[in-house]
Amino acid sequence: MKMLRRAIVALSMAGAIFATLRMRGKGGVPPQAGGWREVDVPPR
């Protein structure tokens, strides 16, 4: 019974840590392709 309780506590702690990291967001890597490009404006 004691081992089952420890396993449940460990799983719930892991889930809480995962949820916290998921909510905060870690940023990640910005896209390497695409993005802004120059626009040709005809002279007036």
N, C-alpha and C. Protein backbone atom coordinates (compact mmCIF):
# COMPACT_ATOMS: atom_id res chain seq x y z
N MET A 1 0.83 -1.20 0.00
CA MET A 1 0.00 0.00 0.00
C MET A 1 0.87 1.26 0.00
N LYS A 2 1.95 1.19 0.78
CA LYS A 2 2.85 2.34 0.87
C LYS A 2 3.50 2.62 -0.49
N MET A 3 3.87 1.56 -1.21
CA MET A 3 4.49 1.72 -2.52
C MET A 3 3.51 2.31 -3.53
N LEU A 4 2.27 1.89 -3.47
CA LEU A 4 1.24 2.42 -4.37
C LEU A 4 1.04 3.92 -4.11
N ARG A 5 1.01 4.30 -2.86
CA ARG A 5 0.84 5.71 -2.49
C ARG A 5 2.01 6.54 -3.01
N ARG A 6 3.24 6.01 -2.87
CA ARG A 6 4.42 6.73 -3.37
C ARG A 6 4.38 6.88 -4.89
N ALA A 7 3.92 5.84 -5.57
CA ALA A 7 3.83 5.90 -7.03
C ALA A 7 2.81 6.96 -7.45
N ILE A 8 1.68 7.02 -6.76
CA ILE A 8 0.66 8.02 -7.09
C ILE A 8 1.19 9.43 -6.85
N VAL A 9 1.90 9.63 -5.74
CA VAL A 9 2.47 10.94 -5.43
C VAL A 9 3.51 11.33 -6.49
N ALA A 10 4.35 10.38 -6.89
CA ALA A 10 5.38 10.67 -7.89
C ALA A 10 4.75 11.03 -9.23
N LEU A 11 3.71 10.31 -9.63
CA LEU A 11 3.04 10.61 -10.89
C LEU A 11 2.33 11.96 -10.86
N SER A 12 1.72 12.28 -9.73
CA SER A 12 1.03 13.56 -9.64
C SER A 12 2.03 14.72 -9.63
N MET A 13 3.19 14.53 -8.99
CA MET A 13 4.22 15.57 -9.02
C MET A 13 4.77 15.77 -10.43
N ALA A 14 4.99 14.67 -11.13
CA ALA A 14 5.47 14.77 -12.51
C ALA A 14 4.44 15.48 -13.38
N GLY A 15 3.17 15.17 -13.18
CA GLY A 15 2.12 15.84 -13.94
C GLY A 15 2.04 17.33 -13.64
N ALA A 16 2.24 17.70 -12.37
CA ALA A 16 2.21 19.11 -11.99
C ALA A 16 3.39 19.86 -12.62
N ILE A 17 4.56 19.25 -12.62
CA ILE A 17 5.73 19.89 -13.24
C ILE A 17 5.51 20.04 -14.74
N PHE A 18 4.99 19.00 -15.38
CA PHE A 18 4.73 19.05 -16.82
C PHE A 18 3.71 20.15 -17.13
N ALA A 19 2.65 20.24 -16.34
CA ALA A 19 1.62 21.26 -16.58
C ALA A 19 2.19 22.66 -16.38
N THR A 20 3.05 22.84 -15.39
CA THR A 20 3.65 24.15 -15.15
C THR A 20 4.53 24.56 -16.33
N LEU A 21 5.34 23.64 -16.82
CA LEU A 21 6.20 23.96 -17.97
C LEU A 21 5.36 24.24 -19.21
N ARG A 22 4.27 23.51 -19.36
CA ARG A 22 3.39 23.68 -20.52
C ARG A 22 2.70 25.04 -20.48
N MET A 23 2.27 25.46 -19.29
CA MET A 23 1.58 26.75 -19.15
C MET A 23 2.54 27.92 -19.38
N ARG A 24 3.75 27.80 -18.84
CA ARG A 24 4.73 28.88 -18.99
C ARG A 24 5.19 29.02 -20.42
N GLY A 25 5.37 27.92 -21.09
CA GLY A 25 5.91 27.95 -22.44
C GLY A 25 7.41 28.16 -22.39
N LYS A 26 8.12 27.43 -23.19
CA LYS A 26 9.57 27.51 -23.13
C LYS A 26 10.14 28.35 -24.27
N GLY A 27 9.31 28.95 -25.10
CA GLY A 27 9.82 29.78 -26.18
C GLY A 27 10.02 28.99 -27.45
N GLY A 28 10.99 28.14 -27.46
CA GLY A 28 11.26 27.34 -28.64
C GLY A 28 12.17 28.07 -29.62
N VAL A 29 12.30 27.51 -30.81
CA VAL A 29 13.18 28.06 -31.83
C VAL A 29 12.34 28.86 -32.82
N PRO A 30 12.74 30.10 -33.13
CA PRO A 30 11.99 30.86 -34.12
C PRO A 30 12.11 30.24 -35.50
N PRO A 31 11.17 30.50 -36.40
CA PRO A 31 11.24 29.90 -37.74
C PRO A 31 12.51 30.31 -38.47
N GLN A 32 13.11 29.38 -39.17
CA GLN A 32 14.36 29.64 -39.88
C GLN A 32 14.13 30.08 -41.32
N ALA A 33 12.92 29.91 -41.84
CA ALA A 33 12.61 30.28 -43.22
C ALA A 33 11.41 31.21 -43.23
N GLY A 34 11.27 31.96 -44.31
CA GLY A 34 10.14 32.88 -44.43
C GLY A 34 10.42 34.17 -43.69
N GLY A 35 9.39 34.83 -43.23
CA GLY A 35 9.57 36.05 -42.47
C GLY A 35 9.34 37.29 -43.32
N TRP A 36 9.99 38.39 -42.93
CA TRP A 36 9.81 39.67 -43.62
C TRP A 36 10.61 39.71 -44.90
N ARG A 37 10.08 40.45 -45.86
CA ARG A 37 10.82 40.70 -47.10
C ARG A 37 10.54 42.13 -47.54
N GLU A 38 11.45 42.69 -48.32
CA GLU A 38 11.30 44.07 -48.75
C GLU A 38 10.15 44.19 -49.75
N VAL A 39 9.49 45.33 -49.69
CA VAL A 39 8.39 45.61 -50.62
C VAL A 39 8.86 46.71 -51.56
N ASP A 40 8.73 46.46 -52.87
CA ASP A 40 9.08 47.48 -53.85
C ASP A 40 7.98 48.50 -53.95
N VAL A 41 8.30 49.78 -53.62
CA VAL A 41 7.32 50.85 -53.69
C VAL A 41 7.65 51.70 -54.91
N PRO A 42 6.72 51.83 -55.85
CA PRO A 42 7.02 52.65 -57.05
C PRO A 42 7.17 54.13 -56.66
N PRO A 43 8.12 54.83 -57.29
CA PRO A 43 8.29 56.25 -56.98
C PRO A 43 7.09 57.07 -57.44
N ARG A 44 6.81 58.18 -56.74
CA ARG A 44 5.66 59.03 -57.12
C ARG A 44 6.12 60.21 -57.92
